[in-house]
Each structure stands twice: as C-alpha cells, then as structure tokens.
Amino acid sequence: MGDYAIRGLAGGGQVRLFVARTTELVDEHRRRHGTLPTATAALGRAVTAAALMGLTLKGERDRLTIQVRGDGPLGAIVVDADAKGHVRGYVHNPKVHLPPRADGKLDVAGAVGTSGHLYVIKDLGLREPYRGSVPLVSGELGDDFAYYFAVSEQIPSSVGLGVLVEPEGRVRAAGGFLLQVLPGAEEALVERLERRVAALASVSASIDRGLAPEELAAEVVGEPVEVAEAVPLSFACHCSRDRVKAVLASLGKDELARLVQEQGGAEVTCQFCNEVYRLSAEEVQALADAGEGTAP
C-alpha cells in the first residue's frame, strides 16, 4: 500500500489522533532534491508534520506552510500542505550530512540548529492568513511541533516524527503521529497516554516493522482508534510554465529586457520540485512587449 494518513478519535472521544506513513513521500523529496541522509531526515520530519497538520484543516481550499529556520547548516526548511494530502517541500542546503550522534542516530538537531524559530502560516480563505511562531526548543522537530501546538494553538499535544535512511541514502521508513488531548479529558487518561508515549519505540522503527497507520495509532493510545478519515498522501507542486511566465511578466519591461540582453532568455527552477523552466529570448521579449501580467 502507498502512503496515507488517518484522522481518528480514542479514549471515548477525549483524544484525537492523526497518524501517517510517509515513506514514499519523503523518498520522493529526497530524489527530487538530492538530499544527503541528515538533510533527508530533517526534511522528511517536516514533510511528515505538514502532512499530519494538513488533516487538521477544515476547508478543501485551506493550505498551510511550515518554515523551520534554525541556526544549523541546513538553513531553512519550507513545506506546504493541504487537507487533501498534497505535500511539497525543500531545504535550503540539501547536501548537509553530519556525523551520527553517540547513539548512532542521525544528528537532525545539529543540522537544524537549536536556536531559531518554527513558523506556521495557514491560508484559511480569510482576508489575512493565520500566522503562528515559536522558538525552537530542541531542533529535533517533534518536540518543536508539540511546543508550537501547546503555545500557539493552546492544544496539549504529543508529536512523534521518524525517518529511517539506508546507508546509500534511500528512505527505508518514515511516518509520524500527532496526538491531541481535547478539553475536559480525564486526568487519568492523560497520565496513561503520557506513559505510553514515553515508552514507545521510534516511529520509523514501527513503520519499518510494517505497521499501518491504524496499527501505529493503536500502539500510541493502547486501544483501537475510531478512524474518521483516511487520506492518501502524495507529492504535488503547483508550478507550471504559465505561472512562471506570470511571475516573469511581473518583473516589468526593464528587467525582462535585461534578461534578454544578458542571458538570452530566462531559466527558472522551482524550489519545491526542482523542475526547470527555460524561456527563449523571443518568449521573454514577448512578455516585455505585452507590458502586463501579475504573479499568481
């Protein structure tokens, strides 16, 4: 089966849970961006978090953007997602690979950095997008997203994110969960869930064992989860030749004329999917002659 995420309830409706398997999705990002293992793990965790958070959106047109801006060598990580399971992302420095930690695991925190911020921007169809941000608390990303939910959205949450990378670079297993305690939840239930989460094996190890999201959800909460929705996950980018032309047209006649004179046309690479769009001098000149157009 391919990648997918589920949304469900547990604890008699006192807990909501989002769980995803993202192995193919994360490996698609690795392939497109040529990420080295540590960068793959960091980008994969952010991609998985975005896929989970996409399921929290209510409108079909709602979207969110995650930005992780730490002081580590990776630079920024940027990921977009929607409620339909479409995800795309990139990391500024995909060739980062650090020595493993003392426990043998990839040093994601060292690559991301422990000083910086996590930003979440939600386009909910309102006049202005929702913007939330929190300081990074660990750089491991799971703890950082949990902190974001607790502080910025006032929802007690536990977040588990994992990416298992083969020595040659391929993604062997990836996935994650987002557990949120709803208002009025019994204290005994909360304490039990805290103990279970603390004792969990790594998410990527569970996915590698072959657990489906429903089975992983049951491991997290210690009981079968009432699944309300299952959403297939896939890489999807919005770029197109027409969008590129619209962006170039917005530069104005003088800048377009400079591109024709100095470069003999234009070459634009989409940061999210690495697709390269090449426009001839004649195409760029036609945009300049038209003298109008706006960015999408």
Protein backbone atom coordinates (compact mmCIF):
# COMPACT_ATOMS: atom_id res chain seq x y z
CA MET A 1 0.00 0.00 0.00
CA GLY A 2 1.07 3.57 -0.58
CA ASP A 3 1.42 6.39 1.90
CA TYR A 4 -1.65 7.68 3.71
CA ALA A 5 -2.73 9.42 6.89
CA ILE A 6 -5.67 8.80 9.20
CA ARG A 7 -7.68 11.03 11.48
CA GLY A 8 -9.45 9.42 14.40
CA LEU A 9 -10.66 9.51 17.99
CA ALA A 10 -9.70 7.48 21.05
CA GLY A 11 -10.31 7.49 24.79
CA GLY A 12 -14.06 7.75 24.37
CA GLY A 13 -13.72 10.84 22.20
CA GLN A 14 -11.39 12.62 24.61
CA VAL A 15 -8.36 12.35 22.33
CA ARG A 16 -7.91 12.97 18.64
CA LEU A 17 -5.12 11.34 16.74
CA PHE A 18 -3.50 11.84 13.33
CA VAL A 19 -1.10 9.16 12.09
CA ALA A 20 0.75 8.93 8.78
CA ARG A 21 3.03 6.65 6.83
CA THR A 22 5.18 8.87 4.61
CA THR A 23 7.96 6.59 3.33
CA GLU A 24 7.35 7.12 -0.38
CA LEU A 25 6.53 10.80 0.08
CA VAL A 26 9.79 11.51 1.90
CA ASP A 27 11.82 9.45 -0.58
CA GLU A 28 10.26 11.44 -3.44
CA HIS A 29 11.54 14.61 -1.80
CA ARG A 30 14.97 13.02 -1.39
CA ARG A 31 15.06 12.05 -5.06
CA ARG A 32 13.95 15.46 -6.32
CA HIS A 33 16.32 17.48 -4.16
CA GLY A 34 19.27 15.09 -3.90
CA THR A 35 19.37 15.37 -0.12
CA LEU A 36 22.09 13.63 1.85
CA PRO A 37 20.98 11.44 4.81
CA THR A 38 20.87 14.05 7.60
CA ALA A 39 19.13 16.57 5.37
CA THR A 40 16.74 13.81 4.24
CA ALA A 41 15.80 13.03 7.84
CA ALA A 42 15.23 16.68 8.74
CA LEU A 43 13.21 17.48 5.61
CA GLY A 44 11.31 14.20 5.99
CA ARG A 45 10.27 15.02 9.54
CA ALA A 46 8.99 18.42 8.44
CA VAL A 47 7.19 16.87 5.46
CA THR A 48 5.54 14.33 7.77
CA ALA A 49 4.49 17.04 10.24
CA ALA A 50 2.96 19.05 7.40
CA ALA A 51 1.04 16.00 6.15
CA LEU A 52 -0.37 15.45 9.65
CA MET A 53 -1.23 19.11 10.13
CA GLY A 54 -2.95 19.19 6.75
CA LEU A 55 -5.56 16.83 8.18
CA THR A 56 -6.40 19.42 10.83
CA LEU A 57 -7.56 21.86 8.13
CA LYS A 58 -11.31 22.03 7.61
CA GLY A 59 -11.82 23.68 4.21
CA GLU A 60 -10.99 21.96 0.91
CA ARG A 61 -9.07 25.04 -0.23
CA ASP A 62 -7.27 25.59 3.08
CA ARG A 63 -3.49 25.36 2.98
CA LEU A 64 -0.62 25.69 5.40
CA THR A 65 3.07 26.47 5.12
CA ILE A 66 5.67 25.39 7.65
CA GLN A 67 9.01 27.16 7.92
CA VAL A 68 11.78 25.89 10.17
CA ARG A 69 14.53 28.49 10.45
CA GLY A 70 17.31 27.33 12.73
CA ASP A 71 20.96 28.31 13.09
CA GLY A 72 22.28 24.96 11.83
CA PRO A 73 23.89 24.28 8.44
CA LEU A 74 20.63 23.18 6.79
CA GLY A 75 19.31 26.72 6.63
CA ALA A 76 15.55 26.98 6.24
CA ILE A 77 13.14 24.08 5.69
CA VAL A 78 9.91 25.06 3.92
CA VAL A 79 6.92 22.73 3.41
CA ASP A 80 3.41 23.31 2.02
CA ALA A 81 0.43 21.01 2.58
CA ASP A 82 -3.33 20.96 2.15
CA ALA A 83 -6.27 18.97 3.50
CA LYS A 84 -6.23 16.60 0.50
CA GLY A 85 -2.86 15.05 1.32
CA HIS A 86 -0.80 17.05 -1.17
CA VAL A 87 2.62 17.99 0.20
CA ARG A 88 5.72 19.68 -1.23
CA GLY A 89 8.85 20.96 0.47
CA TYR A 90 12.52 21.78 0.23
CA VAL A 91 15.56 22.53 2.35
CA HIS A 92 17.98 25.34 1.54
CA ASN A 93 21.11 23.21 1.89
CA PRO A 94 20.24 19.65 0.79
CA LYS A 95 23.86 18.41 0.85
CA VAL A 96 24.21 18.55 4.65
CA HIS A 97 25.26 15.29 6.30
CA LEU A 98 26.70 15.29 9.82
CA PRO A 99 28.48 12.57 11.82
CA PRO A 100 25.95 10.43 13.73
CA ARG A 101 25.12 11.10 17.36
CA ALA A 102 26.60 8.99 20.14
CA ASP A 103 23.58 6.65 19.93
CA GLY A 104 24.16 6.12 16.20
CA LYS A 105 21.15 8.14 15.06
CA LEU A 106 21.26 10.94 12.50
CA ASP A 107 22.01 14.32 14.07
CA VAL A 108 18.91 16.20 12.97
CA ALA A 109 19.16 18.76 15.77
CA GLY A 110 22.76 19.51 14.80
CA ALA A 111 21.70 20.09 11.20
CA VAL A 112 18.61 22.17 12.03
CA GLY A 113 20.14 24.05 14.96
CA THR A 114 18.79 24.62 18.44
CA SER A 115 18.32 28.38 18.11
CA GLY A 116 15.74 29.76 15.73
CA HIS A 117 12.01 29.63 15.13
CA LEU A 118 9.24 27.43 13.80
CA TYR A 119 6.64 29.31 11.77
CA VAL A 120 3.21 28.09 10.67
CA ILE A 121 1.16 30.10 8.16
CA LYS A 122 -2.40 28.96 7.43
CA ASP A 123 -4.43 30.21 4.48
CA LEU A 124 -7.99 29.59 5.61
CA GLY A 125 -9.70 31.69 2.97
CA LEU A 126 -9.93 34.72 5.25
CA ARG A 127 -8.75 38.24 4.50
CA GLU A 128 -5.43 37.61 6.24
CA PRO A 129 -3.65 34.29 6.82
CA TYR A 130 -3.14 32.95 10.33
CA ARG A 131 0.49 33.21 11.43
CA GLY A 132 1.97 31.47 14.45
CA SER A 133 5.55 31.07 15.59
CA VAL A 134 7.52 29.64 18.50
CA PRO A 135 11.22 29.39 19.31
CA LEU A 136 12.85 26.06 18.56
CA VAL A 137 13.18 24.02 21.76
CA SER A 138 15.30 21.12 20.54
CA GLY A 139 15.82 21.14 16.79
CA GLU A 140 14.64 17.51 16.66
CA LEU A 141 11.33 18.89 15.27
CA GLY A 142 8.95 16.52 17.08
CA ASP A 143 9.35 18.44 20.34
CA ASP A 144 9.30 21.72 18.43
CA PHE A 145 5.95 20.98 16.81
CA ALA A 146 4.50 19.83 20.14
CA TYR A 147 5.65 23.12 21.66
CA TYR A 148 4.04 25.03 18.79
CA PHE A 149 0.66 23.39 19.42
CA ALA A 150 0.86 23.96 23.17
CA VAL A 151 1.88 27.63 22.94
CA SER A 152 0.50 28.96 19.67
CA GLU A 153 -2.73 26.95 19.37
CA GLN A 154 -3.24 26.17 23.08
CA ILE A 155 -3.70 22.43 22.44
CA PRO A 156 -1.79 19.93 24.62
CA SER A 157 -0.14 17.66 22.06
CA SER A 158 2.43 14.94 21.58
CA VAL A 159 4.22 14.67 18.24
CA GLY A 160 6.31 11.75 17.03
CA LEU A 161 8.25 12.01 13.76
CA GLY A 162 10.69 9.49 12.32
CA VAL A 163 12.71 8.89 9.15
CA LEU A 164 14.90 5.81 8.70
CA VAL A 165 17.51 6.29 5.97
CA GLU A 166 19.50 3.49 4.34
CA PRO A 167 23.31 3.88 4.20
CA GLU A 168 23.12 4.58 0.46
CA GLY A 169 20.57 7.34 1.08
CA ARG A 170 17.20 5.78 0.23
CA VAL A 171 14.36 6.28 2.71
CA ARG A 172 13.53 2.92 4.26
CA ALA A 173 10.67 4.03 6.52
CA ALA A 174 9.06 7.30 7.55
CA GLY A 175 5.97 8.38 9.40
CA GLY A 176 4.60 10.18 12.40
CA PHE A 177 1.73 10.88 14.75
CA LEU A 178 0.04 13.89 16.27
CA LEU A 179 -1.90 13.17 19.47
CA GLN A 180 -4.05 15.94 20.94
CA VAL A 181 -5.95 15.92 24.23
CA LEU A 182 -9.33 17.59 23.93
CA PRO A 183 -10.76 19.93 26.59
CA GLY A 184 -12.23 18.12 29.59
CA ALA A 185 -10.17 14.96 29.17
CA GLU A 186 -9.82 12.89 32.33
CA GLU A 187 -6.53 13.30 34.18
CA ALA A 188 -6.09 9.53 34.47
CA LEU A 189 -6.34 9.19 30.69
CA VAL A 190 -3.80 11.96 30.15
CA GLU A 191 -1.35 10.32 32.56
CA ARG A 192 -1.78 6.93 30.87
CA LEU A 193 -1.13 8.42 27.44
CA GLU A 194 1.96 10.21 28.70
CA ARG A 195 3.37 6.91 29.94
CA ARG A 196 2.58 5.15 26.67
CA VAL A 197 4.15 7.85 24.52
CA ALA A 198 7.27 7.86 26.69
CA ALA A 199 7.64 4.09 26.28
CA LEU A 200 7.04 3.99 22.51
CA ALA A 201 9.62 2.63 20.12
CA SER A 202 10.71 5.06 17.42
CA VAL A 203 8.06 5.82 14.82
CA SER A 204 10.32 4.87 11.93
CA ALA A 205 11.06 1.50 13.56
CA SER A 206 7.34 0.83 13.87
CA ILE A 207 6.77 1.74 10.22
CA ASP A 208 9.75 -0.42 9.25
CA ARG A 209 8.12 -3.35 11.08
CA GLY A 210 5.23 -3.00 8.68
CA LEU A 211 2.69 -1.28 10.93
CA ALA A 212 -0.07 0.55 9.08
CA PRO A 213 -1.19 3.95 10.42
CA GLU A 214 -4.20 2.33 12.14
CA GLU A 215 -1.91 -0.14 13.93
CA LEU A 216 0.55 2.55 14.91
CA ALA A 217 -2.34 4.63 16.26
CA ALA A 218 -3.42 1.70 18.44
CA GLU A 219 0.14 1.37 19.76
CA VAL A 220 0.23 5.06 20.65
CA VAL A 221 -3.01 5.09 22.66
CA GLY A 222 -3.20 1.44 23.75
CA GLU A 223 -6.56 0.74 22.16
CA PRO A 224 -8.18 0.61 18.71
CA VAL A 225 -8.80 4.04 17.23
CA GLU A 226 -12.11 5.09 15.72
CA VAL A 227 -10.94 6.18 12.26
CA ALA A 228 -12.97 9.04 10.80
CA GLU A 229 -10.95 9.57 7.62
CA ALA A 230 -8.06 8.12 5.65
CA VAL A 231 -6.30 10.38 3.15
CA PRO A 232 -3.74 9.26 0.53
CA LEU A 233 -0.53 11.29 0.63
CA SER A 234 1.40 12.42 -2.42
CA PHE A 235 3.95 14.94 -3.62
CA ALA A 236 2.21 17.71 -5.57
CA CYS A 237 3.60 21.01 -6.85
CA HIS A 238 1.64 23.96 -8.24
CA CYS A 239 4.29 25.24 -10.61
CA SER A 240 3.66 25.42 -14.36
CA ARG A 241 5.02 27.20 -17.40
CA ASP A 242 2.11 29.67 -17.30
CA ARG A 243 2.83 30.50 -13.65
CA VAL A 244 6.48 31.07 -14.46
CA LYS A 245 5.53 33.41 -17.30
CA ALA A 246 3.21 35.33 -14.99
CA VAL A 247 5.99 35.73 -12.40
CA LEU A 248 8.44 36.92 -15.06
CA ALA A 249 5.88 39.33 -16.51
CA SER A 250 5.51 40.94 -13.08
CA LEU A 251 9.21 41.91 -13.18
CA GLY A 252 8.49 44.73 -15.63
CA LYS A 253 9.80 45.68 -19.07
CA ASP A 254 13.23 46.87 -17.98
CA GLU A 255 14.13 43.72 -16.08
CA LEU A 256 12.82 41.49 -18.86
CA ALA A 257 14.84 43.43 -21.42
CA ARG A 258 17.93 42.90 -19.25
CA LEU A 259 17.28 39.14 -19.18
CA VAL A 260 17.07 39.08 -22.97
CA GLN A 261 20.24 41.12 -23.38
CA GLU A 262 22.39 39.43 -20.71
CA GLN A 263 21.10 35.86 -20.67
CA GLY A 264 19.39 35.41 -23.99
CA GLY A 265 16.17 34.35 -22.28
CA ALA A 266 15.31 33.09 -18.81
CA GLU A 267 15.74 29.93 -16.76
CA VAL A 268 13.64 29.43 -13.65
CA THR A 269 13.91 26.48 -11.24
CA CYS A 270 11.03 25.71 -8.88
CA GLN A 271 12.40 25.42 -5.35
CA PHE A 272 9.73 22.92 -4.34
CA CYS A 273 10.04 20.33 -7.13
CA ASN A 274 13.30 21.26 -8.91
CA GLU A 275 11.52 21.47 -12.26
CA VAL A 276 13.46 23.74 -14.64
CA TYR A 277 11.59 26.09 -16.98
CA ARG A 278 13.51 27.65 -19.88
CA LEU A 279 12.11 30.54 -21.89
CA SER A 280 13.72 31.70 -25.12
CA ALA A 281 14.70 35.29 -25.81
CA GLU A 282 11.65 35.58 -28.05
CA GLU A 283 9.31 34.38 -25.29
CA VAL A 284 10.77 36.79 -22.74
CA GLN A 285 10.67 39.65 -25.24
CA ALA A 286 7.00 38.89 -25.91
CA LEU A 287 6.31 39.25 -22.18
CA ALA A 288 8.16 42.57 -22.16
CA ASP A 289 6.23 43.81 -25.19
CA ALA A 290 2.94 42.85 -23.59
CA GLY A 291 3.89 45.01 -20.61
CA GLU A 292 1.38 43.46 -18.25
CA GLY A 293 0.83 40.42 -16.04
CA THR A 294 0.80 39.63 -12.39
CA ALA A 295 2.32 36.88 -10.29
CA PRO A 296 -0.06 34.04 -9.35
